[in-house]
Amino acid sequence: MGHHISRRTIFRTAGGLAVAGTLGSALSACGGGTGAGSSTSKLTMTWWGSDDRHAAYKKALATFQTKNPKIKIQETYSGYDGYFNKFNTQIAGGSAPDLLQMDTALVAQYARKGVLAPIDSYVGKTLDLTGFSKTLLAAGTVDGKLYGVPSGIGVNQLTVNRSGLEKLGLTFPDPEWTWADLKKISVDVHKKSGGKIYGTDDVGGGTLQAFEVFAREKGQQLYATGGKKLGFTSDTLQEWWEYWVEMRKANACPPAAITSAAHNDLTKNAVVIGKALFTFDIGVYGAGGSITSATLDFLPSPQGDWSGAREGNYVNGGVLLSATKASKKIADSVKIMSFFAQDATAIKDMELLRGIPPTDKARSLISAGLNATDKRNMACADYISKRVAKATDVLPAPQPPPQGADQIADLLFQSNLAIAFGKKSVKAQLGSFFDQAAGILAK
């Protein structure tokens, strides 16, 4: 059993954000109300995920209903594809669920449109968030109000073919490594393998969340307050792209064709096909477990190796549980949120099926039953979480991404690819990137 948190939620938000395009028209059709709970006496709850996640939710909810017999729950669930399209249709028709699993990439859009209910008034009463850090709760916070309870820890980390490193006689990097360390070991991999294997795939150069860590180390956010402008400078992006240009020149990462083929296709990821030992794509060990037979391990994104560098890593909330604003059963929905956050039975039932558990209590409850790779995965997330919490020079956790963030993510990937293929110079691509990004965010 693997780490089943949605890859869209943690690392590639593009799939989730694309469906929100119909949100405005859906709300216009119904005047902004959902009418949740009006057609049934049962509390309606919906989520997306794998069959294992479905089974775990159902098992945990059965326990909840035994303890709370007056709350009857009608469950609906599906895969991710089409999940928010259906939700938008329900909003328009006045039949949205009372309680739903929400994507952190979309919570701001739905909250600001008046679809979701703020739940701050329940915290410390019927909503027990003991053990949840402020940084983690930021994932469900929009304009100072809490609209969702995080299910787990989402972190920016690298997936590593540990057995591949060992075969080459290379030492597994220290978690306090730097960008220079990543380059060095990646070059060593290529040399030790006789040119057959590269160190790290070039997904990192075009991955928004990997760049985000780098920008945060320089004290810059992806987006300025309000989300209508980029929050990082041209100099920072130039330095990032030049780093990857040097990686390619040094044979630290594979040719651009391998990077291009892997876009949105994990089966062609460089680590999966044996062409690299490090990848920034955590989906290699994500929904459904591992898609490679290699022994995998995990590392935090590298740290800045320049004077004054800040902690760039941060913790996000995996997926959220949110209540709809027009629901007549918000109080009961909050009780269910609290149950999943604190009840030992529910925590054990869900295990890693909604991500790395969000509290020390939850992580200790499930640790004994995990396989070796799950334990390494959870240990890395725990390490990052504790390091971020102790950091004295760190930016606040990012607010939920603005509308258009999916297009910015794809723009960065395609820009990096254009540079990798030699179609554009770094400086030429910089101007194009900032011009297009400005247009996307101004809409």
Protein backbone atom coordinates (compact mmCIF):
# COMPACT_ATOMS: atom_id res chain seq x y z
CA MET A 1 0.00 0.00 0.00
CA GLY A 2 1.40 3.34 -0.98
CA HIS A 3 1.04 7.03 -0.40
CA HIS A 4 -2.34 7.70 -2.01
CA ILE A 5 -2.54 11.45 -1.77
CA SER A 6 -3.65 13.10 -5.00
CA ARG A 7 -0.65 13.93 -7.17
CA ARG A 8 -2.63 16.84 -8.57
CA THR A 9 -3.04 18.25 -5.08
CA ILE A 10 0.54 17.94 -3.86
CA PHE A 11 2.67 18.50 -6.89
CA ARG A 12 0.80 19.08 -10.14
CA THR A 13 -2.22 21.24 -9.51
CA ALA A 14 -2.97 21.76 -13.17
CA GLY A 15 -5.50 18.95 -13.41
CA GLY A 16 -7.53 20.35 -10.55
CA LEU A 17 -7.47 24.00 -11.51
CA ALA A 18 -8.60 23.42 -15.07
CA VAL A 19 -12.09 22.32 -14.02
CA ALA A 20 -12.77 25.56 -12.17
CA GLY A 21 -13.25 27.42 -15.41
CA THR A 22 -16.98 26.73 -15.27
CA LEU A 23 -17.27 27.79 -11.65
CA GLY A 24 -18.31 31.37 -12.37
CA SER A 25 -21.06 30.37 -14.79
CA ALA A 26 -22.28 27.67 -12.41
CA LEU A 27 -22.68 30.20 -9.62
CA SER A 28 -24.35 32.72 -11.89
CA ALA A 29 -26.96 30.12 -12.74
CA CYS A 30 -27.93 29.63 -9.10
CA GLY A 31 -27.19 33.02 -7.60
CA GLY A 32 -24.31 31.66 -5.55
CA GLY A 33 -26.30 29.27 -3.36
CA THR A 34 -25.95 25.51 -3.16
CA GLY A 35 -29.14 24.45 -1.44
CA ALA A 36 -27.18 21.60 0.14
CA GLY A 37 -29.15 19.25 2.33
CA SER A 38 -32.53 20.41 1.04
CA SER A 39 -33.46 17.22 -0.79
CA THR A 40 -32.63 14.65 1.87
CA SER A 41 -32.65 14.25 5.63
CA LYS A 42 -29.23 12.64 5.39
CA LEU A 43 -25.95 14.52 5.44
CA THR A 44 -24.43 14.17 1.97
CA MET A 45 -20.67 13.65 1.73
CA THR A 46 -18.51 13.20 -1.35
CA TRP A 47 -14.85 12.55 -2.08
CA TRP A 48 -12.51 11.35 -4.82
CA GLY A 49 -9.74 8.76 -4.70
CA SER A 50 -8.72 5.16 -5.23
CA ASP A 51 -10.76 2.08 -4.32
CA ASP A 52 -8.63 1.74 -1.19
CA ARG A 53 -9.46 5.30 -0.16
CA HIS A 54 -13.15 4.69 -0.79
CA ALA A 55 -13.11 1.58 1.41
CA ALA A 56 -11.23 3.39 4.19
CA TYR A 57 -13.65 6.32 4.20
CA LYS A 58 -16.64 3.98 4.33
CA LYS A 59 -15.16 1.98 7.20
CA ALA A 60 -14.33 5.10 9.21
CA LEU A 61 -17.75 6.65 8.57
CA ALA A 62 -19.46 3.47 9.77
CA THR A 63 -17.64 3.90 13.07
CA PHE A 64 -18.63 7.57 13.22
CA GLN A 65 -22.30 6.74 12.70
CA THR A 66 -22.16 4.11 15.42
CA LYS A 67 -20.90 6.80 17.80
CA ASN A 68 -23.29 9.45 16.41
CA PRO A 69 -26.49 7.56 15.53
CA LYS A 70 -28.49 10.73 14.94
CA ILE A 71 -26.26 11.75 12.02
CA LYS A 72 -27.10 9.74 8.90
CA ILE A 73 -24.62 10.01 6.03
CA GLN A 74 -25.23 9.52 2.33
CA GLU A 75 -21.86 8.77 0.70
CA THR A 76 -20.85 9.39 -2.92
CA TYR A 77 -17.38 8.97 -4.36
CA SER A 78 -15.50 8.75 -7.64
CA GLY A 79 -12.12 9.20 -9.26
CA TYR A 80 -10.63 12.70 -9.58
CA ASP A 81 -11.46 13.17 -13.25
CA GLY A 82 -14.83 14.86 -13.51
CA TYR A 83 -15.18 15.29 -9.74
CA PHE A 84 -15.27 19.09 -9.77
CA ASN A 85 -17.23 19.25 -13.01
CA LYS A 86 -19.95 17.31 -11.20
CA PHE A 87 -19.63 19.57 -8.16
CA ASN A 88 -20.08 22.66 -10.35
CA THR A 89 -23.20 21.13 -11.88
CA GLN A 90 -24.55 20.40 -8.40
CA ILE A 91 -23.88 24.00 -7.35
CA ALA A 92 -25.84 25.24 -10.35
CA GLY A 93 -28.70 22.85 -9.60
CA GLY A 94 -28.89 23.59 -5.88
CA SER A 95 -27.94 20.05 -4.88
CA ALA A 96 -24.30 20.35 -3.79
CA PRO A 97 -23.16 18.01 -0.98
CA ASP A 98 -23.04 19.14 2.62
CA LEU A 99 -19.47 17.93 3.12
CA LEU A 100 -16.84 17.32 0.49
CA GLN A 101 -13.20 16.52 -0.02
CA MET A 102 -11.71 19.74 -1.40
CA ASP A 103 -8.56 20.32 -3.44
CA THR A 104 -6.15 22.79 -1.84
CA ALA A 105 -5.56 24.18 -5.33
CA LEU A 106 -9.22 25.18 -5.60
CA VAL A 107 -10.28 26.14 -2.09
CA ALA A 108 -9.66 29.87 -2.59
CA GLN A 109 -11.78 30.02 -5.71
CA TYR A 110 -14.75 28.25 -4.13
CA ALA A 111 -14.44 30.15 -0.85
CA ARG A 112 -14.37 33.55 -2.57
CA LYS A 113 -17.39 32.62 -4.69
CA GLY A 114 -19.38 31.95 -1.52
CA VAL A 115 -19.66 28.19 -2.02
CA LEU A 116 -17.80 27.08 1.13
CA ALA A 117 -18.62 27.77 4.77
CA PRO A 118 -16.09 29.40 7.11
CA ILE A 119 -15.64 27.11 10.12
CA ASP A 120 -13.50 29.22 12.49
CA SER A 121 -16.31 29.56 15.02
CA TYR A 122 -16.28 25.79 15.64
CA VAL A 123 -12.52 25.54 16.36
CA GLY A 124 -11.85 24.65 19.98
CA LYS A 125 -15.46 23.60 20.46
CA THR A 126 -16.79 20.82 18.23
CA LEU A 127 -13.77 21.06 15.91
CA ASP A 128 -10.61 19.78 17.62
CA LEU A 129 -7.50 20.80 15.71
CA THR A 130 -5.02 19.96 18.46
CA GLY A 131 -1.63 19.20 16.90
CA PHE A 132 -2.29 21.06 13.64
CA SER A 133 0.35 23.71 12.96
CA LYS A 134 -0.57 27.20 11.77
CA THR A 135 1.50 26.55 8.67
CA LEU A 136 -0.58 23.49 7.84
CA LEU A 137 -3.91 25.20 8.51
CA ALA A 138 -2.90 27.91 6.05
CA ALA A 139 -3.69 25.43 3.27
CA GLY A 140 -7.38 25.73 4.11
CA THR A 141 -7.33 29.42 5.03
CA VAL A 142 -8.57 32.06 2.60
CA ASP A 143 -8.57 35.78 3.41
CA GLY A 144 -8.05 35.02 7.08
CA LYS A 145 -10.89 32.50 7.45
CA LEU A 146 -10.69 28.70 7.70
CA TYR A 147 -12.61 26.88 4.97
CA GLY A 148 -11.16 23.39 5.20
CA VAL A 149 -9.40 20.95 7.53
CA PRO A 150 -6.19 19.49 6.05
CA SER A 151 -6.02 15.72 5.80
CA GLY A 152 -2.26 15.40 5.76
CA ILE A 153 1.15 16.85 5.16
CA GLY A 154 2.03 17.67 1.61
CA VAL A 155 5.71 18.47 1.07
CA ASN A 156 8.04 19.24 -1.81
CA GLN A 157 10.52 16.40 -1.86
CA LEU A 158 12.54 14.29 -4.26
CA THR A 159 11.94 10.62 -4.92
CA VAL A 160 15.23 8.72 -5.08
CA ASN A 161 16.19 5.33 -6.50
CA ARG A 162 18.20 4.32 -3.43
CA SER A 163 19.10 0.86 -4.72
CA GLY A 164 20.45 2.47 -7.91
CA LEU A 165 22.75 4.70 -5.87
CA GLU A 166 23.98 1.74 -3.85
CA LYS A 167 24.78 -0.26 -6.98
CA LEU A 168 27.01 2.59 -8.15
CA GLY A 169 28.70 2.78 -4.76
CA LEU A 170 27.38 6.27 -4.06
CA THR A 171 26.33 7.50 -0.62
CA PHE A 172 22.74 8.58 -0.08
CA PRO A 173 22.75 12.39 0.36
CA ASP A 174 22.30 14.07 3.71
CA PRO A 175 18.84 15.68 4.03
CA GLU A 176 20.57 19.02 4.67
CA TRP A 177 21.94 18.99 1.12
CA THR A 178 22.16 21.96 -1.24
CA TRP A 179 21.58 22.64 -4.93
CA ALA A 180 25.33 22.30 -5.44
CA ASP A 181 25.18 18.86 -3.78
CA LEU A 182 22.40 17.80 -6.17
CA LYS A 183 24.54 18.79 -9.13
CA LYS A 184 27.64 17.01 -7.80
CA ILE A 185 25.95 13.68 -7.09
CA SER A 186 24.06 13.85 -10.38
CA VAL A 187 27.34 14.24 -12.26
CA ASP A 188 28.83 11.39 -10.22
CA VAL A 189 25.91 9.13 -11.20
CA HIS A 190 26.55 9.76 -14.89
CA LYS A 191 30.28 9.10 -14.54
CA LYS A 192 29.93 6.01 -12.33
CA SER A 193 27.35 4.47 -14.67
CA GLY A 194 29.56 4.92 -17.69
CA GLY A 195 27.14 7.46 -19.15
CA LYS A 196 24.17 5.09 -19.03
CA ILE A 197 22.28 6.85 -16.23
CA TYR A 198 21.81 10.51 -15.35
CA GLY A 199 21.54 11.89 -11.85
CA THR A 200 18.26 13.78 -11.83
CA ASP A 201 15.52 14.19 -14.38
CA ASP A 202 14.90 17.62 -15.87
CA VAL A 203 11.32 17.70 -14.58
CA GLY A 204 12.61 19.91 -11.79
CA GLY A 205 13.58 22.74 -14.12
CA GLY A 206 10.01 23.05 -15.32
CA THR A 207 8.13 22.15 -12.14
CA LEU A 208 6.50 25.13 -10.46
CA GLN A 209 6.70 23.70 -6.94
CA ALA A 210 10.41 22.88 -7.28
CA PHE A 211 11.07 26.42 -8.48
CA GLU A 212 8.87 27.72 -5.67
CA VAL A 213 11.25 26.30 -3.05
CA PHE A 214 14.17 27.98 -4.83
CA ALA A 215 12.32 31.32 -4.97
CA ARG A 216 11.29 31.10 -1.31
CA GLU A 217 14.93 30.56 -0.38
CA LYS A 218 15.46 34.01 -1.89
CA GLY A 219 12.57 35.45 0.11
CA GLN A 220 10.11 35.46 -2.80
CA GLN A 221 6.66 33.90 -3.14
CA LEU A 222 5.23 32.56 -6.38
CA TYR A 223 2.42 35.09 -6.30
CA ALA A 224 2.06 38.56 -4.86
CA THR A 225 -0.76 39.21 -2.39
CA GLY A 226 -4.07 38.89 -4.19
CA GLY A 227 -2.66 36.54 -6.82
CA LYS A 228 -2.87 39.01 -9.70
CA LYS A 229 0.88 39.29 -10.13
CA LEU A 230 3.93 37.05 -9.86
CA GLY A 231 5.82 37.41 -6.60
CA PHE A 232 9.32 36.57 -7.87
CA THR A 233 11.82 38.52 -9.94
CA SER A 234 13.20 37.93 -13.40
CA ASP A 235 16.67 37.54 -11.88
CA THR A 236 15.49 34.64 -9.72
CA LEU A 237 13.91 32.76 -12.63
CA GLN A 238 16.99 33.44 -14.76
CA GLU A 239 19.24 31.96 -12.09
CA TRP A 240 16.96 28.93 -11.84
CA TRP A 241 16.97 28.24 -15.57
CA GLU A 242 20.73 28.81 -15.80
CA TYR A 243 21.21 26.23 -13.05
CA TRP A 244 19.41 23.65 -15.22
CA VAL A 245 21.35 24.71 -18.32
CA GLU A 246 24.53 23.89 -16.40
CA MET A 247 23.02 20.59 -15.24
CA ARG A 248 22.41 19.57 -18.86
CA LYS A 249 25.90 20.64 -19.96
CA ALA A 250 27.40 18.52 -17.17
CA ASN A 251 25.29 15.48 -18.13
CA ALA A 252 23.65 15.68 -14.72
CA CYS A 253 20.20 15.27 -16.27
CA PRO A 254 18.93 13.47 -19.39
CA PRO A 255 18.17 14.90 -22.83
CA ALA A 256 15.11 17.09 -23.36
CA ALA A 257 13.27 14.37 -25.29
CA ILE A 258 13.08 12.23 -22.15
CA THR A 259 11.76 15.19 -20.15
CA SER A 260 9.15 15.97 -22.79
CA ALA A 261 7.93 12.37 -23.05
CA ALA A 262 7.41 12.19 -19.28
CA HIS A 263 5.11 15.23 -19.13
CA ASN A 264 1.84 13.99 -17.56
CA ASP A 265 2.92 10.37 -18.12
CA LEU A 266 4.52 8.84 -15.03
CA THR A 267 5.30 5.59 -16.82
CA LYS A 268 7.89 7.54 -18.83
CA ASN A 269 9.44 9.34 -15.86
CA ALA A 270 13.24 9.12 -16.04
CA VAL A 271 13.48 7.28 -12.70
CA VAL A 272 10.78 4.79 -13.74
CA ILE A 273 12.49 3.96 -17.06
CA GLY A 274 15.93 3.75 -15.41
CA LYS A 275 17.44 6.85 -16.98
CA ALA A 276 17.84 8.84 -13.74
CA LEU A 277 18.04 8.20 -10.00
CA PHE A 278 16.43 11.43 -8.68
CA THR A 279 13.09 12.98 -9.63
CA PHE A 280 11.08 15.93 -8.38
CA ASP A 281 7.88 14.09 -9.30
CA ILE A 282 6.56 12.47 -6.12
CA GLY A 283 3.92 10.64 -8.15
CA VAL A 284 6.48 7.88 -8.77
CA TYR A 285 5.52 6.80 -5.27
CA GLY A 286 2.07 8.28 -5.01
CA ALA A 287 -1.45 7.18 -5.81
CA GLY A 288 -1.53 3.40 -5.80
CA GLY A 289 2.01 2.98 -4.48
CA SER A 290 5.21 2.60 -6.46
CA ILE A 291 5.34 2.23 -10.24
CA THR A 292 8.94 1.02 -10.19
CA SER A 293 10.55 -2.04 -8.62
CA ALA A 294 13.51 0.02 -7.41
CA THR A 295 14.00 0.59 -3.69
CA LEU A 296 12.85 4.17 -3.20
CA ASP A 297 13.74 6.79 -0.62
CA PHE A 298 12.96 10.47 -0.23
CA LEU A 299 14.78 13.76 0.35
CA PRO A 300 13.72 17.35 1.02
CA SER A 301 14.15 19.78 -1.86
CA PRO A 302 17.75 21.10 -1.69
CA GLN A 303 18.59 24.21 0.30
CA GLY A 304 20.02 27.47 -0.97
CA ASP A 305 23.82 27.50 -0.93
CA TRP A 306 24.28 31.27 -0.99
CA SER A 307 24.65 33.86 1.75
CA GLY A 308 21.38 34.75 3.44
CA ALA A 309 19.41 31.85 2.01
CA ARG A 310 16.13 31.15 3.82
CA GLU A 311 14.25 27.93 4.49
CA GLY A 312 12.42 27.32 1.23
CA ASN A 313 10.48 24.22 2.08
CA TYR A 314 6.99 24.45 3.54
CA VAL A 315 4.11 22.19 4.47
CA ASN A 316 0.77 22.18 2.69
CA GLY A 317 -2.43 20.40 3.60
CA GLY A 318 -2.82 17.50 1.20
CA VAL A 319 -6.56 17.44 0.61
CA LEU A 320 -9.17 19.20 2.74
CA LEU A 321 -12.60 18.46 4.16
CA SER A 322 -14.90 21.44 3.60
CA ALA A 323 -18.56 22.23 4.24
CA THR A 324 -20.79 24.05 1.77
CA LYS A 325 -22.11 27.42 2.92
CA ALA A 326 -25.80 26.82 2.07
CA SER A 327 -25.87 23.46 3.86
CA LYS A 328 -28.26 23.05 6.77
CA LYS A 329 -25.90 20.54 8.33
CA ILE A 330 -22.66 22.48 8.74
CA ALA A 331 -22.42 21.66 12.46
CA ASP A 332 -22.69 17.93 11.76
CA SER A 333 -20.14 18.20 8.94
CA VAL A 334 -17.73 19.85 11.38
CA LYS A 335 -18.15 16.91 13.78
CA ILE A 336 -17.10 14.58 10.97
CA MET A 337 -14.07 16.75 10.21
CA SER A 338 -13.05 16.60 13.87
CA PHE A 339 -13.56 12.82 13.89
CA PHE A 340 -11.16 12.31 10.99
CA ALA A 341 -8.66 14.70 12.57
CA GLN A 342 -8.51 13.12 16.04
CA ASP A 343 -10.24 9.73 16.31
CA ALA A 344 -7.70 6.92 16.61
CA THR A 345 -9.86 4.43 14.71
CA ALA A 346 -10.40 6.82 11.80
CA ILE A 347 -6.69 7.69 11.69
CA LYS A 348 -5.74 4.02 11.50
CA ASP A 349 -8.41 3.31 8.88
CA MET A 350 -7.17 6.13 6.61
CA GLU A 351 -3.46 5.46 7.25
CA LEU A 352 -1.70 7.17 4.29
CA LEU A 353 -4.73 7.17 2.02
CA ARG A 354 -5.19 10.94 2.34
CA GLY A 355 -1.50 11.74 2.64
CA ILE A 356 1.04 11.77 5.46
CA PRO A 357 -1.09 12.31 8.62
CA PRO A 358 -1.05 15.95 9.79
CA THR A 359 -0.14 15.53 13.47
CA ASP A 360 2.50 13.78 15.55
CA LYS A 361 -0.29 11.85 17.26
CA ALA A 362 -1.66 10.54 13.98
CA ARG A 363 1.75 9.64 12.57
CA SER A 364 2.66 7.67 15.70
CA LEU A 365 -0.65 5.79 15.57
CA ILE A 366 -0.05 4.40 12.09
CA SER A 367 3.73 4.00 12.00
CA ALA A 368 3.86 0.38 13.19
CA GLY A 369 1.70 -0.88 10.33
CA LEU A 370 3.58 0.75 7.46
CA ASN A 371 5.86 -0.98 4.97
CA ALA A 372 9.49 0.11 4.72
CA THR A 373 8.98 2.57 1.85
CA ASP A 374 5.95 4.16 3.50
CA LYS A 375 8.00 4.61 6.66
CA ARG A 376 10.77 6.35 4.72
CA ASN A 377 8.20 8.52 2.97
CA MET A 378 6.56 9.52 6.23
CA ALA A 379 9.92 10.08 7.91
CA CYS A 380 10.96 12.55 5.20
CA ALA A 381 7.68 14.46 5.45
CA ASP A 382 8.02 14.51 9.23
CA TYR A 383 11.61 15.76 8.92
CA ILE A 384 10.58 18.60 6.62
CA SER A 385 7.64 19.50 8.82
CA LYS A 386 9.78 19.77 11.94
CA ARG A 387 12.57 21.67 10.16
CA VAL A 388 10.10 24.21 8.79
CA ALA A 389 8.51 24.61 12.23
CA LYS A 390 11.91 25.34 13.80
CA ALA A 391 13.10 27.72 11.07
CA THR A 392 13.52 31.32 12.21
CA ASP A 393 13.92 32.79 8.72
CA VAL A 394 11.07 31.42 6.63
CA LEU A 395 8.28 32.99 4.61
CA PRO A 396 4.65 32.30 5.55
CA ALA A 397 3.18 29.26 3.85
CA PRO A 398 1.76 30.13 0.42
CA GLN A 399 -1.90 31.00 0.23
CA PRO A 400 -4.05 28.76 -2.01
CA PRO A 401 -3.08 29.38 -5.66
CA PRO A 402 -5.05 31.93 -7.71
CA GLN A 403 -7.09 31.27 -10.79
CA GLY A 404 -4.74 30.74 -13.70
CA ALA A 405 -2.10 28.93 -11.62
CA ASP A 406 -2.56 25.84 -13.80
CA GLN A 407 -1.59 27.88 -16.86
CA ILE A 408 1.43 29.35 -15.07
CA ALA A 409 2.57 25.83 -14.19
CA ASP A 410 2.32 24.69 -17.79
CA LEU A 411 4.01 27.87 -19.01
CA LEU A 412 7.01 27.19 -16.77
CA PHE A 413 7.25 23.59 -17.98
CA GLN A 414 7.03 24.51 -21.65
CA SER A 415 9.50 27.40 -21.19
CA ASN A 416 12.05 25.10 -19.56
CA LEU A 417 11.55 22.61 -22.37
CA ALA A 418 12.09 25.28 -25.05
CA ILE A 419 15.41 26.16 -23.41
CA ALA A 420 16.37 22.49 -23.06
CA PHE A 421 15.71 21.81 -26.75
CA GLY A 422 17.74 24.89 -27.69
CA LYS A 423 14.77 26.68 -29.25
CA LYS A 424 15.10 29.70 -26.98
CA SER A 425 17.87 31.26 -24.93
CA VAL A 426 17.25 31.84 -21.23
CA LYS A 427 17.06 35.62 -21.66
CA ALA A 428 14.70 35.40 -24.65
CA GLN A 429 12.40 33.02 -22.78
CA LEU A 430 12.36 35.24 -19.70
CA GLY A 431 10.65 38.10 -21.50
CA SER A 432 8.10 35.80 -23.06
CA PHE A 433 7.37 34.08 -19.74
CA PHE A 434 6.69 37.28 -17.79
CA ASP A 435 4.58 38.78 -20.57
CA GLN A 436 2.38 35.67 -20.83
CA ALA A 437 2.17 35.22 -17.06
CA ALA A 438 0.98 38.83 -16.62
CA GLY A 439 -1.79 38.22 -19.11
CA ILE A 440 -2.89 34.99 -17.45
CA LEU A 441 -3.08 36.43 -13.92
CA ALA A 442 -4.76 39.69 -14.96
CA LYS A 443 -7.89 37.88 -16.17
